[in-house]
Amino acid sequence: MNLGLKDKTALVTGGSRGIGKAIAVAFAKEGTNVVICGCGKEALKEAAAENEKLGGNRF
């Protein structure tokens, strides 16, 4: 699906788990630069790595 979000930037709160993580992954698949925040350093690292594998940038 192309939502016209390529090269845009999205901030996703709660992006390390659950619905927030699913939203962050969906944005990354669209080519959006995703910035995530949430609780738990390890969960955030894992979510960031997953988004990076999908083509997102790591901030």
PDB file of N, CA and C in Angstrom:
ATOM      1  N   MET A   1       0.845  -1.162   0.000  1.00  0.00           N
ATOM      2  CA  MET A   1       0.000   0.000   0.000  1.00  0.00           C
ATOM      3  C   MET A   1       0.901   1.239   0.000  1.00  0.00           C
ATOM      4  N   ASN A   2       0.559   2.236  -0.792  1.00  0.00           N
ATOM      5  CA  ASN A   2       1.323   3.471  -0.832  1.00  0.00           C
ATOM      6  C   ASN A   2       0.457   4.598  -0.302  1.00  0.00           C
ATOM      7  N   LEU A   3       0.791   5.064   0.880  1.00  0.00           N
ATOM      8  CA  LEU A   3       0.023   6.128   1.512  1.00  0.00           C
ATOM      9  C   LEU A   3       0.666   7.505   1.333  1.00  0.00           C
ATOM     10  N   GLY A   4       1.725   7.583   0.545  1.00  0.00           N
ATOM     11  CA  GLY A   4       2.407   8.847   0.322  1.00  0.00           C
ATOM     12  C   GLY A   4       3.217   9.311   1.525  1.00  0.00           C
ATOM     13  N   LEU A   5       3.711   8.359   2.321  1.00  0.00           N
ATOM     14  CA  LEU A   5       4.443   8.703   3.543  1.00  0.00           C
ATOM     15  C   LEU A   5       5.954   8.529   3.404  1.00  0.00           C
ATOM     16  N   LYS A   6       6.420   8.135   2.234  1.00  0.00           N
ATOM     17  CA  LYS A   6       7.856   7.913   2.040  1.00  0.00           C
ATOM     18  C   LYS A   6       8.614   9.194   2.345  1.00  0.00           C
ATOM     19  N   ASP A   7       9.684   9.043   3.129  1.00  0.00           N
ATOM     20  CA  ASP A   7      10.568  10.133   3.530  1.00  0.00           C
ATOM     21  C   ASP A   7       9.927  11.140   4.482  1.00  0.00           C
ATOM     22  N   LYS A   8       8.738  10.863   4.974  1.00  0.00           N
ATOM     23  CA  LYS A   8       8.135  11.674   6.032  1.00  0.00           C
ATOM     24  C   LYS A   8       8.662  11.147   7.364  1.00  0.00           C
ATOM     25  N   THR A   9       8.411  11.854   8.443  1.00  0.00           N
ATOM     26  CA  THR A   9       8.830  11.407   9.766  1.00  0.00           C
ATOM     27  C   THR A   9       7.608  11.278  10.670  1.00  0.00           C
ATOM     28  N   ALA A  10       7.530  10.155  11.389  1.00  0.00           N
ATOM     29  CA  ALA A  10       6.425   9.905  12.312  1.00  0.00           C
ATOM     30  C   ALA A  10       6.974   9.652  13.706  1.00  0.00           C
ATOM     31  N   LEU A  11       6.321  10.212  14.707  1.00  0.00           N
ATOM     32  CA  LEU A  11       6.637   9.953  16.102  1.00  0.00           C
ATOM     33  C   LEU A  11       5.565   9.030  16.640  1.00  0.00           C
ATOM     34  N   VAL A  12       5.975   7.865  17.142  1.00  0.00           N
ATOM     35  CA  VAL A  12       5.028   6.890  17.678  1.00  0.00           C
ATOM     36  C   VAL A  12       5.318   6.705  19.161  1.00  0.00           C
ATOM     37  N   THR A  13       4.372   7.096  20.004  1.00  0.00           N
ATOM     38  CA  THR A  13       4.524   6.861  21.435  1.00  0.00           C
ATOM     39  C   THR A  13       4.049   5.445  21.732  1.00  0.00           C
ATOM     40  N   GLY A  14       4.658   4.813  22.701  1.00  0.00           N
ATOM     41  CA  GLY A  14       4.319   3.420  22.994  1.00  0.00           C
ATOM     42  C   GLY A  14       4.758   2.497  21.869  1.00  0.00           C
ATOM     43  N   GLY A  15       5.813   2.876  21.155  1.00  0.00           N
ATOM     44  CA  GLY A  15       6.236   2.147  19.966  1.00  0.00           C
ATOM     45  C   GLY A  15       7.061   0.906  20.217  1.00  0.00           C
ATOM     46  N   SER A  16       7.264   0.548  21.479  1.00  0.00           N
ATOM     47  CA  SER A  16       8.095  -0.626  21.763  1.00  0.00           C
ATOM     48  C   SER A  16       7.289  -1.909  21.909  1.00  0.00           C
ATOM     49  N   ARG A  17       5.978  -1.788  22.044  1.00  0.00           N
ATOM     50  CA  ARG A  17       5.135  -2.983  22.264  1.00  0.00           C
ATOM     51  C   ARG A  17       3.735  -2.792  21.675  1.00  0.00           C
ATOM     52  N   GLY A  18       3.064  -3.898  21.494  1.00  0.00           N
ATOM     53  CA  GLY A  18       1.638  -3.902  21.157  1.00  0.00           C
ATOM     54  C   GLY A  18       1.258  -3.096  19.927  1.00  0.00           C
ATOM     55  N   ILE A  19       0.158  -2.350  20.056  1.00  0.00           N
ATOM     56  CA  ILE A  19      -0.383  -1.584  18.934  1.00  0.00           C
ATOM     57  C   ILE A  19       0.606  -0.524  18.474  1.00  0.00           C
ATOM     58  N   GLY A  20       1.275   0.141  19.416  1.00  0.00           N
ATOM     59  CA  GLY A  20       2.258   1.154  19.047  1.00  0.00           C
ATOM     60  C   GLY A  20       3.369   0.582  18.189  1.00  0.00           C
ATOM     61  N   LYS A  21       3.838  -0.610  18.543  1.00  0.00           N
ATOM     62  CA  LYS A  21       4.889  -1.259  17.755  1.00  0.00           C
ATOM     63  C   LYS A  21       4.369  -1.615  16.371  1.00  0.00           C
ATOM     64  N   ALA A  22       3.143  -2.115  16.295  1.00  0.00           N
ATOM     65  CA  ALA A  22       2.551  -2.463  15.000  1.00  0.00           C
ATOM     66  C   ALA A  22       2.418  -1.223  14.117  1.00  0.00           C
ATOM     67  N   ILE A  23       2.069  -0.100  14.710  1.00  0.00           N
ATOM     68  CA  ILE A  23       1.962   1.147  13.954  1.00  0.00           C
ATOM     69  C   ILE A  23       3.338   1.572  13.453  1.00  0.00           C
ATOM     70  N   ALA A  24       4.347   1.485  14.320  1.00  0.00           N
ATOM     71  CA  ALA A  24       5.704   1.853  13.939  1.00  0.00           C
ATOM     72  C   ALA A  24       6.195   0.978  12.784  1.00  0.00           C
ATOM     73  N   VAL A  25       5.915  -0.304  12.833  1.00  0.00           N
ATOM     74  CA  VAL A  25       6.312  -1.229  11.768  1.00  0.00           C
ATOM     75  C   VAL A  25       5.587  -0.875  10.466  1.00  0.00           C
ATOM     76  N   ALA A  26       4.311  -0.559  10.557  1.00  0.00           N
ATOM     77  CA  ALA A  26       3.551  -0.190   9.355  1.00  0.00           C
ATOM     78  C   ALA A  26       4.133   1.079   8.722  1.00  0.00           C
ATOM     79  N   PHE A  27       4.483   2.061   9.539  1.00  0.00           N
ATOM     80  CA  PHE A  27       5.114   3.270   9.017  1.00  0.00           C
ATOM     81  C   PHE A  27       6.443   2.935   8.352  1.00  0.00           C
ATOM     82  N   ALA A  28       7.254   2.112   8.985  1.00  0.00           N
ATOM     83  CA  ALA A  28       8.559   1.742   8.422  1.00  0.00           C
ATOM     84  C   ALA A  28       8.392   1.049   7.074  1.00  0.00           C
ATOM     85  N   LYS A  29       7.397   0.189   6.950  1.00  0.00           N
ATOM     86  CA  LYS A  29       7.145  -0.500   5.690  1.00  0.00           C
ATOM     87  C   LYS A  29       6.758   0.470   4.582  1.00  0.00           C
ATOM     88  N   GLU A  30       6.195   1.621   4.951  1.00  0.00           N
ATOM     89  CA  GLU A  30       5.812   2.646   3.982  1.00  0.00           C
ATOM     90  C   GLU A  30       6.980   3.549   3.602  1.00  0.00           C
ATOM     91  N   GLY A  31       8.143   3.345   4.250  1.00  0.00           N
ATOM     92  CA  GLY A  31       9.304   4.169   3.954  1.00  0.00           C
ATOM     93  C   GLY A  31       9.378   5.431   4.793  1.00  0.00           C
ATOM     94  N   THR A  32       8.594   5.463   5.852  1.00  0.00           N
ATOM     95  CA  THR A  32       8.574   6.605   6.760  1.00  0.00           C
ATOM     96  C   THR A  32       9.723   6.491   7.754  1.00  0.00           C
ATOM     97  N   ASN A  33      10.345   7.613   8.087  1.00  0.00           N
ATOM     98  CA  ASN A  33      11.321   7.640   9.169  1.00  0.00           C
ATOM     99  C   ASN A  33      10.531   7.602  10.467  1.00  0.00           C
ATOM    100  N   VAL A  34      10.800   6.634  11.308  1.00  0.00           N
ATOM    101  CA  VAL A  34      10.006   6.426  12.518  1.00  0.00           C
ATOM    102  C   VAL A  34      10.838   6.718  13.756  1.00  0.00           C
ATOM    103  N   VAL A  35      10.298   7.554  14.621  1.00  0.00           N
ATOM    104  CA  VAL A  35      10.886   7.824  15.924  1.00  0.00           C
ATOM    105  C   VAL A  35       9.944   7.201  16.942  1.00  0.00           C
ATOM    106  N   ILE A  36      10.470   6.295  17.779  1.00  0.00           N
ATOM    107  CA  ILE A  36       9.618   5.636  18.762  1.00  0.00           C
ATOM    108  C   ILE A  36      10.055   6.017  20.170  1.00  0.00           C
ATOM    109  N   CYS A  37       9.088   6.041  21.057  1.00  0.00           N
ATOM    110  CA  CYS A  37       9.392   6.198  22.476  1.00  0.00           C
ATOM    111  C   CYS A  37       8.467   5.249  23.225  1.00  0.00           C
ATOM    112  N   GLY A  38       8.889   4.863  24.401  1.00  0.00           N
ATOM    113  CA  GLY A  38       8.106   3.933  25.195  1.00  0.00           C
ATOM    114  C   GLY A  38       8.883   3.523  26.426  1.00  0.00           C
ATOM    115  N   CYS A  39       8.340   2.600  27.151  1.00  0.00           N
ATOM    116  CA  CYS A  39       8.962   2.120  28.386  1.00  0.00           C
ATOM    117  C   CYS A  39       9.801   0.884  28.099  1.00  0.00           C
ATOM    118  N   GLY A  40      10.910   0.789  28.750  1.00  0.00           N
ATOM    119  CA  GLY A  40      11.736  -0.410  28.632  1.00  0.00           C
ATOM    120  C   GLY A  40      12.813  -0.272  27.582  1.00  0.00           C
ATOM    121  N   LYS A  41      14.028  -0.069  28.030  1.00  0.00           N
ATOM    122  CA  LYS A  41      15.159   0.143  27.131  1.00  0.00           C
ATOM    123  C   LYS A  41      15.354  -1.012  26.148  1.00  0.00           C
ATOM    124  N   GLU A  42      15.279  -2.243  26.631  1.00  0.00           N
ATOM    125  CA  GLU A  42      15.496  -3.408  25.753  1.00  0.00           C
ATOM    126  C   GLU A  42      14.399  -3.524  24.701  1.00  0.00           C
ATOM    127  N   ALA A  43      13.145  -3.321  25.104  1.00  0.00           N
ATOM    128  CA  ALA A  43      12.040  -3.400  24.148  1.00  0.00           C
ATOM    129  C   ALA A  43      12.184  -2.328  23.077  1.00  0.00           C
ATOM    130  N   LEU A  44      12.633  -1.131  23.462  1.00  0.00           N
ATOM    131  CA  LEU A  44      12.851  -0.067  22.485  1.00  0.00           C
ATOM    132  C   LEU A  44      13.974  -0.418  21.518  1.00  0.00           C
ATOM    133  N   LYS A  45      15.048  -1.002  22.039  1.00  0.00           N
ATOM    134  CA  LYS A  45      16.153  -1.413  21.173  1.00  0.00           C
ATOM    135  C   LYS A  45      15.692  -2.441  20.150  1.00  0.00           C
ATOM    136  N   GLU A  46      14.906  -3.410  20.590  1.00  0.00           N
ATOM    137  CA  GLU A  46      14.410  -4.457  19.694  1.00  0.00           C
ATOM    138  C   GLU A  46      13.487  -3.872  18.626  1.00  0.00           C
ATOM    139  N   ALA A  47      12.588  -2.990  19.031  1.00  0.00           N
ATOM    140  CA  ALA A  47      11.664  -2.370  18.081  1.00  0.00           C
ATOM    141  C   ALA A  47      12.427  -1.513  17.073  1.00  0.00           C
ATOM    142  N   ALA A  48      13.429  -0.762  17.539  1.00  0.00           N
ATOM    143  CA  ALA A  48      14.232   0.066  16.638  1.00  0.00           C
ATOM    144  C   ALA A  48      14.988  -0.798  15.633  1.00  0.00           C
ATOM    145  N   ALA A  49      15.543  -1.902  16.085  1.00  0.00           N
ATOM    146  CA  ALA A  49      16.261  -2.805  15.190  1.00  0.00           C
ATOM    147  C   ALA A  49      15.328  -3.395  14.144  1.00  0.00           C
ATOM    148  N   GLU A  50      14.116  -3.755  14.543  1.00  0.00           N
ATOM    149  CA  GLU A  50      13.134  -4.306  13.603  1.00  0.00           C
ATOM    150  C   GLU A  50      12.768  -3.267  12.546  1.00  0.00           C
ATOM    151  N   ASN A  51      12.548  -2.023  12.979  1.00  0.00           N
ATOM    152  CA  ASN A  51      12.209  -0.968  12.027  1.00  0.00           C
ATOM    153  C   ASN A  51      13.372  -0.683  11.081  1.00  0.00           C
ATOM    154  N   GLU A  52      14.584  -0.759  11.589  1.00  0.00           N
ATOM    155  CA  GLU A  52      15.763  -0.531  10.757  1.00  0.00           C
ATOM    156  C   GLU A  52      15.876  -1.600   9.672  1.00  0.00           C
ATOM    157  N   LYS A  53      15.548  -2.844  10.010  1.00  0.00           N
ATOM    158  CA  LYS A  53      15.579  -3.933   9.023  1.00  0.00           C
ATOM    159  C   LYS A  53      14.566  -3.697   7.915  1.00  0.00           C
ATOM    160  N   LEU A  54      13.489  -2.986   8.242  1.00  0.00           N
ATOM    161  CA  LEU A  54      12.450  -2.703   7.249  1.00  0.00           C
ATOM    162  C   LEU A  54      12.757  -1.454   6.423  1.00  0.00           C
ATOM    163  N   GLY A  55      13.923  -0.871   6.670  1.00  0.00           N
ATOM    164  CA  GLY A  55      14.337   0.279   5.877  1.00  0.00           C
ATOM    165  C   GLY A  55      14.268   1.602   6.609  1.00  0.00           C
ATOM    166  N   GLY A  56      13.821   1.589   7.854  1.00  0.00           N
ATOM    167  CA  GLY A  56      13.759   2.827   8.626  1.00  0.00           C
ATOM    168  C   GLY A  56      15.127   3.262   9.093  1.00  0.00           C
ATOM    169  N   ASN A  57      15.256   4.522   9.425  1.00  0.00           N
ATOM    170  CA  ASN A  57      16.504   5.057   9.949  1.00  0.00           C
ATOM    171  C   ASN A  57      16.527   4.898  11.458  1.00  0.00           C
ATOM    172  N   ARG A  58      17.704   4.765  12.000  1.00  0.00           N
ATOM    173  CA  ARG A  58      17.867   4.690  13.457  1.00  0.00           C
ATOM    174  C   ARG A  58      18.339   6.050  13.942  1.00  0.00           C
ATOM    175  N   PHE A  59      17.550   6.669  14.824  1.00  0.00           N
ATOM    176  CA  PHE A  59      17.878   7.983  15.368  1.00  0.00           C
ATOM    177  C   PHE A  59      18.500   7.827  16.738  1.00  0.00           C
TER     178      PHE A  59
END
